[in-house]
Amino acid sequence: MKSLGSTLFILGVLAFGLNYMNAVPKVLAWIYEWGEDTAMWIKAGIMCSGALLWLTDNFLEKPAETEIEQEEE
């Protein structure tokens, strides 16, 4: 999930940045059919969901590592 989250986050950041240079990623070209405002919300949603996936996986992974360390001692 960490790699999916980071990929979505990077895709969202690139979509925001490339939009200002009038270069839309082909993966996200379909969202502009609904207009600029809707495309902006979709890009923000992609970026936030990617960050949420990455953070969630990061927090869920930490306790498992500490449990393994405690069992080894």
PDB file of N, CA and C in Angstrom:
ATOM      1  N   MET A   1       0.815  -1.195   0.000  1.00  0.00           N
ATOM      2  CA  MET A   1       0.000   0.000   0.000  1.00  0.00           C
ATOM      3  C   MET A   1       0.861   1.263   0.000  1.00  0.00           C
ATOM      4  N   LYS A   2       2.048   1.125   0.574  1.00  0.00           N
ATOM      5  CA  LYS A   2       2.920   2.283   0.634  1.00  0.00           C
ATOM      6  C   LYS A   2       3.314   2.754  -0.766  1.00  0.00           C
ATOM      7  N   SER A   3       3.621   1.805  -1.644  1.00  0.00           N
ATOM      8  CA  SER A   3       4.032   2.184  -2.995  1.00  0.00           C
ATOM      9  C   SER A   3       2.848   2.736  -3.794  1.00  0.00           C
ATOM     10  N   LEU A   4       1.656   2.182  -3.602  1.00  0.00           N
ATOM     11  CA  LEU A   4       0.475   2.715  -4.278  1.00  0.00           C
ATOM     12  C   LEU A   4       0.186   4.129  -3.795  1.00  0.00           C
ATOM     13  N   GLY A   5       0.274   4.349  -2.489  1.00  0.00           N
ATOM     14  CA  GLY A   5       0.039   5.676  -1.936  1.00  0.00           C
ATOM     15  C   GLY A   5       1.038   6.700  -2.435  1.00  0.00           C
ATOM     16  N   SER A   6       2.305   6.327  -2.459  1.00  0.00           N
ATOM     17  CA  SER A   6       3.309   7.285  -2.931  1.00  0.00           C
ATOM     18  C   SER A   6       3.158   7.543  -4.423  1.00  0.00           C
ATOM     19  N   THR A   7       2.757   6.514  -5.189  1.00  0.00           N
ATOM     20  CA  THR A   7       2.535   6.710  -6.621  1.00  0.00           C
ATOM     21  C   THR A   7       1.367   7.649  -6.869  1.00  0.00           C
ATOM     22  N   LEU A   8       0.271   7.479  -6.145  1.00  0.00           N
ATOM     23  CA  LEU A   8      -0.874   8.374  -6.291  1.00  0.00           C
ATOM     24  C   LEU A   8      -0.521   9.802  -5.885  1.00  0.00           C
ATOM     25  N   PHE A   9       0.225   9.940  -4.795  1.00  0.00           N
ATOM     26  CA  PHE A   9       0.607  11.275  -4.338  1.00  0.00           C
ATOM     27  C   PHE A   9       1.488  11.972  -5.372  1.00  0.00           C
ATOM     28  N   ILE A  10       2.471  11.258  -5.903  1.00  0.00           N
ATOM     29  CA  ILE A  10       3.365  11.848  -6.905  1.00  0.00           C
ATOM     30  C   ILE A  10       2.599  12.191  -8.176  1.00  0.00           C
ATOM     31  N   LEU A  11       1.663  11.329  -8.574  1.00  0.00           N
ATOM     32  CA  LEU A  11       0.848  11.609  -9.745  1.00  0.00           C
ATOM     33  C   LEU A  11       0.010  12.872  -9.540  1.00  0.00           C
ATOM     34  N   GLY A  12      -0.545  13.033  -8.354  1.00  0.00           N
ATOM     35  CA  GLY A  12      -1.327  14.234  -8.060  1.00  0.00           C
ATOM     36  C   GLY A  12      -0.483  15.491  -8.070  1.00  0.00           C
ATOM     37  N   VAL A  13       0.702  15.427  -7.484  1.00  0.00           N
ATOM     38  CA  VAL A  13       1.597  16.591  -7.474  1.00  0.00           C
ATOM     39  C   VAL A  13       2.035  16.937  -8.891  1.00  0.00           C
ATOM     40  N   LEU A  14       2.380  15.913  -9.678  1.00  0.00           N
ATOM     41  CA  LEU A  14       2.766  16.163 -11.068  1.00  0.00           C
ATOM     42  C   LEU A  14       1.612  16.754 -11.872  1.00  0.00           C
ATOM     43  N   ALA A  15       0.404  16.281 -11.616  1.00  0.00           N
ATOM     44  CA  ALA A  15      -0.752  16.806 -12.338  1.00  0.00           C
ATOM     45  C   ALA A  15      -0.963  18.277 -12.029  1.00  0.00           C
ATOM     46  N   PHE A  16      -0.787  18.666 -10.759  1.00  0.00           N
ATOM     47  CA  PHE A  16      -0.909  20.080 -10.409  1.00  0.00           C
ATOM     48  C   PHE A  16       0.178  20.909 -11.087  1.00  0.00           C
ATOM     49  N   GLY A  17       1.403  20.422 -11.020  1.00  0.00           N
ATOM     50  CA  GLY A  17       2.517  21.168 -11.587  1.00  0.00           C
ATOM     51  C   GLY A  17       2.467  21.252 -13.097  1.00  0.00           C
ATOM     52  N   LEU A  18       2.168  20.132 -13.744  1.00  0.00           N
ATOM     53  CA  LEU A  18       2.139  20.129 -15.205  1.00  0.00           C
ATOM     54  C   LEU A  18       0.952  20.892 -15.769  1.00  0.00           C
ATOM     55  N   ASN A  19      -0.107  21.046 -14.975  1.00  0.00           N
ATOM     56  CA  ASN A  19      -1.260  21.813 -15.427  1.00  0.00           C
ATOM     57  C   ASN A  19      -0.877  23.270 -15.685  1.00  0.00           C
ATOM     58  N   TYR A  20       0.022  23.809 -14.880  1.00  0.00           N
ATOM     59  CA  TYR A  20       0.440  25.196 -15.055  1.00  0.00           C
ATOM     60  C   TYR A  20       1.349  25.376 -16.271  1.00  0.00           C
ATOM     61  N   MET A  21       1.909  24.291 -16.761  1.00  0.00           N
ATOM     62  CA  MET A  21       2.739  24.343 -17.962  1.00  0.00           C
ATOM     63  C   MET A  21       1.976  23.841 -19.182  1.00  0.00           C
ATOM     64  N   ASN A  22       0.660  23.675 -19.046  1.00  0.00           N
ATOM     65  CA  ASN A  22      -0.220  23.177 -20.109  1.00  0.00           C
ATOM     66  C   ASN A  22       0.234  21.829 -20.652  1.00  0.00           C
ATOM     67  N   ALA A  23       0.725  20.978 -19.801  1.00  0.00           N
ATOM     68  CA  ALA A  23       1.106  19.617 -20.169  1.00  0.00           C
ATOM     69  C   ALA A  23       0.402  18.662 -19.213  1.00  0.00           C
ATOM     70  N   VAL A  24      -0.673  18.073 -19.669  1.00  0.00           N
ATOM     71  CA  VAL A  24      -1.485  17.191 -18.827  1.00  0.00           C
ATOM     72  C   VAL A  24      -1.001  15.755 -19.006  1.00  0.00           C
ATOM     73  N   PRO A  25      -0.797  15.017 -17.896  1.00  0.00           N
ATOM     74  CA  PRO A  25      -0.446  13.598 -18.038  1.00  0.00           C
ATOM     75  C   PRO A  25      -1.568  12.833 -18.751  1.00  0.00           C
ATOM     76  N   LYS A  26      -1.206  11.933 -19.646  1.00  0.00           N
ATOM     77  CA  LYS A  26      -2.215  11.197 -20.419  1.00  0.00           C
ATOM     78  C   LYS A  26      -3.119  10.360 -19.529  1.00  0.00           C
ATOM     79  N   VAL A  27      -2.609   9.939 -18.391  1.00  0.00           N
ATOM     80  CA  VAL A  27      -3.412   9.143 -17.466  1.00  0.00           C
ATOM     81  C   VAL A  27      -4.581   9.966 -16.920  1.00  0.00           C
ATOM     82  N   LEU A  28      -4.376  11.273 -16.776  1.00  0.00           N
ATOM     83  CA  LEU A  28      -5.407  12.133 -16.188  1.00  0.00           C
ATOM     84  C   LEU A  28      -6.099  13.044 -17.195  1.00  0.00           C
ATOM     85  N   ALA A  29      -5.911  12.819 -18.472  1.00  0.00           N
ATOM     86  CA  ALA A  29      -6.511  13.700 -19.483  1.00  0.00           C
ATOM     87  C   ALA A  29      -8.039  13.630 -19.459  1.00  0.00           C
ATOM     88  N   TRP A  30      -8.598  12.498 -19.062  1.00  0.00           N
ATOM     89  CA  TRP A  30     -10.046  12.319 -19.070  1.00  0.00           C
ATOM     90  C   TRP A  30     -10.763  13.187 -18.047  1.00  0.00           C
ATOM     91  N   ILE A  31     -10.072  13.633 -16.994  1.00  0.00           N
ATOM     92  CA  ILE A  31     -10.774  14.401 -15.954  1.00  0.00           C
ATOM     93  C   ILE A  31     -11.104  15.819 -16.404  1.00  0.00           C
ATOM     94  N   TYR A  32     -10.468  16.285 -17.462  1.00  0.00           N
ATOM     95  CA  TYR A  32     -10.732  17.636 -17.940  1.00  0.00           C
ATOM     96  C   TYR A  32     -12.007  17.723 -18.766  1.00  0.00           C
ATOM     97  N   GLU A  33     -12.663  16.584 -19.023  1.00  0.00           N
ATOM     98  CA  GLU A  33     -13.936  16.607 -19.733  1.00  0.00           C
ATOM     99  C   GLU A  33     -15.038  17.257 -18.892  1.00  0.00           C
ATOM    100  N   TRP A  34     -14.878  17.257 -17.585  1.00  0.00           N
ATOM    101  CA  TRP A  34     -15.880  17.843 -16.692  1.00  0.00           C
ATOM    102  C   TRP A  34     -15.575  19.279 -16.319  1.00  0.00           C
ATOM    103  N   GLY A  35     -14.517  19.834 -16.847  1.00  0.00           N
ATOM    104  CA  GLY A  35     -14.186  21.223 -16.575  1.00  0.00           C
ATOM    105  C   GLY A  35     -12.959  21.352 -15.679  1.00  0.00           C
ATOM    106  N   GLU A  36     -12.462  22.556 -15.598  1.00  0.00           N
ATOM    107  CA  GLU A  36     -11.227  22.831 -14.870  1.00  0.00           C
ATOM    108  C   GLU A  36     -11.404  22.685 -13.354  1.00  0.00           C
ATOM    109  N   ASP A  37     -12.533  23.175 -12.830  1.00  0.00           N
ATOM    110  CA  ASP A  37     -12.751  23.093 -11.378  1.00  0.00           C
ATOM    111  C   ASP A  37     -12.884  21.651 -10.899  1.00  0.00           C
ATOM    112  N   THR A  38     -13.639  20.846 -11.628  1.00  0.00           N
ATOM    113  CA  THR A  38     -13.796  19.450 -11.259  1.00  0.00           C
ATOM    114  C   THR A  38     -12.474  18.705 -11.369  1.00  0.00           C
ATOM    115  N   ALA A  39     -11.702  19.018 -12.401  1.00  0.00           N
ATOM    116  CA  ALA A  39     -10.389  18.383 -12.561  1.00  0.00           C
ATOM    117  C   ALA A  39      -9.478  18.730 -11.385  1.00  0.00           C
ATOM    118  N   MET A  40      -9.575  19.964 -10.912  1.00  0.00           N
ATOM    119  CA  MET A  40      -8.759  20.378  -9.767  1.00  0.00           C
ATOM    120  C   MET A  40      -9.125  19.572  -8.520  1.00  0.00           C
ATOM    121  N   TRP A  41     -10.426  19.350  -8.304  1.00  0.00           N
ATOM    122  CA  TRP A  41     -10.861  18.567  -7.147  1.00  0.00           C
ATOM    123  C   TRP A  41     -10.456  17.106  -7.267  1.00  0.00           C
ATOM    124  N   ILE A  42     -10.519  16.571  -8.474  1.00  0.00           N
ATOM    125  CA  ILE A  42     -10.115  15.177  -8.673  1.00  0.00           C
ATOM    126  C   ILE A  42      -8.624  15.026  -8.413  1.00  0.00           C
ATOM    127  N   LYS A  43      -7.815  15.970  -8.893  1.00  0.00           N
ATOM    128  CA  LYS A  43      -6.371  15.917  -8.649  1.00  0.00           C
ATOM    129  C   LYS A  43      -6.067  16.029  -7.170  1.00  0.00           C
ATOM    130  N   ALA A  44      -6.791  16.903  -6.481  1.00  0.00           N
ATOM    131  CA  ALA A  44      -6.594  17.047  -5.034  1.00  0.00           C
ATOM    132  C   ALA A  44      -6.995  15.754  -4.316  1.00  0.00           C
ATOM    133  N   GLY A  45      -8.070  15.125  -4.778  1.00  0.00           N
ATOM    134  CA  GLY A  45      -8.495  13.865  -4.182  1.00  0.00           C
ATOM    135  C   GLY A  45      -7.490  12.754  -4.395  1.00  0.00           C
ATOM    136  N   ILE A  46      -6.905  12.701  -5.583  1.00  0.00           N
ATOM    137  CA  ILE A  46      -5.875  11.698  -5.865  1.00  0.00           C
ATOM    138  C   ILE A  46      -4.673  11.920  -4.961  1.00  0.00           C
ATOM    139  N   MET A  47      -4.279  13.172  -4.826  1.00  0.00           N
ATOM    140  CA  MET A  47      -3.110  13.480  -4.004  1.00  0.00           C
ATOM    141  C   MET A  47      -3.380  13.181  -2.525  1.00  0.00           C
ATOM    142  N   CYS A  48      -4.525  13.557  -2.030  1.00  0.00           N
ATOM    143  CA  CYS A  48      -4.852  13.322  -0.615  1.00  0.00           C
ATOM    144  C   CYS A  48      -5.050  11.833  -0.320  1.00  0.00           C
ATOM    145  N   SER A  49      -5.686  11.122  -1.232  1.00  0.00           N
ATOM    146  CA  SER A  49      -5.864   9.691  -0.988  1.00  0.00           C
ATOM    147  C   SER A  49      -4.524   8.957  -1.020  1.00  0.00           C
ATOM    148  N   GLY A  50      -3.620   9.388  -1.876  1.00  0.00           N
ATOM    149  CA  GLY A  50      -2.284   8.799  -1.897  1.00  0.00           C
ATOM    150  C   GLY A  50      -1.533   9.053  -0.608  1.00  0.00           C
ATOM    151  N   ALA A  51      -1.626  10.297  -0.114  1.00  0.00           N
ATOM    152  CA  ALA A  51      -0.961  10.628   1.148  1.00  0.00           C
ATOM    153  C   ALA A  51      -1.589   9.847   2.302  1.00  0.00           C
ATOM    154  N   LEU A  52      -2.901   9.695   2.281  1.00  0.00           N
ATOM    155  CA  LEU A  52      -3.589   8.957   3.333  1.00  0.00           C
ATOM    156  C   LEU A  52      -3.205   7.481   3.329  1.00  0.00           C
ATOM    157  N   LEU A  53      -3.125   6.880   2.146  1.00  0.00           N
ATOM    158  CA  LEU A  53      -2.696   5.485   2.052  1.00  0.00           C
ATOM    159  C   LEU A  53      -1.276   5.304   2.565  1.00  0.00           C
ATOM    160  N   TRP A  54      -0.404   6.215   2.172  1.00  0.00           N
ATOM    161  CA  TRP A  54       0.993   6.111   2.585  1.00  0.00           C
ATOM    162  C   TRP A  54       1.127   6.275   4.098  1.00  0.00           C
ATOM    163  N   LEU A  55       0.447   7.271   4.654  1.00  0.00           N
ATOM    164  CA  LEU A  55       0.530   7.503   6.095  1.00  0.00           C
ATOM    165  C   LEU A  55      -0.104   6.365   6.888  1.00  0.00           C
ATOM    166  N   THR A  56      -1.230   5.865   6.427  1.00  0.00           N
ATOM    167  CA  THR A  56      -1.898   4.763   7.113  1.00  0.00           C
ATOM    168  C   THR A  56      -1.007   3.531   7.150  1.00  0.00           C
ATOM    169  N   ASP A  57      -0.412   3.202   6.016  1.00  0.00           N
ATOM    170  CA  ASP A  57       0.474   2.049   5.972  1.00  0.00           C
ATOM    171  C   ASP A  57       1.700   2.273   6.839  1.00  0.00           C
ATOM    172  N   ASN A  58       2.183   3.500   6.860  1.00  0.00           N
ATOM    173  CA  ASN A  58       3.355   3.820   7.676  1.00  0.00           C
ATOM    174  C   ASN A  58       3.049   3.647   9.169  1.00  0.00           C
ATOM    175  N   PHE A  59       1.869   4.101   9.609  1.00  0.00           N
ATOM    176  CA  PHE A  59       1.512   3.968  11.021  1.00  0.00           C
ATOM    177  C   PHE A  59       1.187   2.526  11.391  1.00  0.00           C
ATOM    178  N   LEU A  60       0.590   1.768  10.480  1.00  0.00           N
ATOM    179  CA  LEU A  60       0.257   0.374  10.771  1.00  0.00           C
ATOM    180  C   LEU A  60       1.490  -0.516  10.775  1.00  0.00           C
ATOM    181  N   GLU A  61       2.516  -0.115  10.067  1.00  0.00           N
ATOM    182  CA  GLU A  61       3.732  -0.913   9.976  1.00  0.00           C
ATOM    183  C   GLU A  61       4.599  -0.768  11.226  1.00  0.00           C
ATOM    184  N   LYS A  62       4.608   0.377  11.858  1.00  0.00           N
ATOM    185  CA  LYS A  62       5.470   0.642  13.013  1.00  0.00           C
ATOM    186  C   LYS A  62       5.196  -0.291  14.196  1.00  0.00           C
ATOM    187  N   PRO A  63       3.949  -0.487  14.647  1.00  0.00           N
ATOM    188  CA  PRO A  63       3.742  -1.371  15.798  1.00  0.00           C
ATOM    189  C   PRO A  63       4.193  -2.804  15.530  1.00  0.00           C
ATOM    190  N   ALA A  64       4.051  -3.281  14.327  1.00  0.00           N
ATOM    191  CA  ALA A  64       4.474  -4.640  14.015  1.00  0.00           C
ATOM    192  C   ALA A  64       5.988  -4.775  14.167  1.00  0.00           C
ATOM    193  N   GLU A  65       6.737  -3.760  13.791  1.00  0.00           N
ATOM    194  CA  GLU A  65       8.191  -3.808  13.926  1.00  0.00           C
ATOM    195  C   GLU A  65       8.600  -3.802  15.396  1.00  0.00           C
ATOM    196  N   THR A  66       7.914  -3.016  16.217  1.00  0.00           N
ATOM    197  CA  THR A  66       8.273  -2.964  17.635  1.00  0.00           C
ATOM    198  C   THR A  66       7.900  -4.264  18.339  1.00  0.00           C
ATOM    199  N   GLU A  67       6.825  -4.940  17.908  1.00  0.00           N
ATOM    200  CA  GLU A  67       6.447  -6.221  18.504  1.00  0.00           C
ATOM    201  C   GLU A  67       7.510  -7.283  18.210  1.00  0.00           C
ATOM    202  N   ILE A  68       8.040  -7.272  17.006  1.00  0.00           N
ATOM    203  CA  ILE A  68       9.079  -8.237  16.636  1.00  0.00           C
ATOM    204  C   ILE A  68      10.337  -7.984  17.471  1.00  0.00           C
ATOM    205  N   GLU A  69      10.688  -6.737  17.648  1.00  0.00           N
ATOM    206  CA  GLU A  69      11.868  -6.408  18.456  1.00  0.00           C
ATOM    207  C   GLU A  69      11.688  -6.833  19.907  1.00  0.00           C
ATOM    208  N   GLN A  70      10.472  -6.684  20.434  1.00  0.00           N
ATOM    209  CA  GLN A  70      10.215  -7.067  21.825  1.00  0.00           C
ATOM    210  C   GLN A  70      10.268  -8.577  21.974  1.00  0.00           C
ATOM    211  N   GLU A  71       9.827  -9.314  20.971  1.00  0.00           N
ATOM    212  CA  GLU A  71       9.861 -10.781  21.047  1.00  0.00           C
ATOM    213  C   GLU A  71      11.290 -11.309  21.006  1.00  0.00           C
ATOM    214  N   GLU A  72      12.169 -10.602  20.308  1.00  0.00           N
ATOM    215  CA  GLU A  72      13.557 -11.037  20.194  1.00  0.00           C
ATOM    216  C   GLU A  72      14.319 -10.876  21.491  1.00  0.00           C
ATOM    217  N   GLU A  73      13.913  -9.956  22.328  1.00  0.00           N
ATOM    218  CA  GLU A  73      14.660  -9.690  23.582  1.00  0.00           C
ATOM    219  C   GLU A  73      14.392 -10.686  24.624  1.00  0.00           C
TER     220      GLU A  73
END
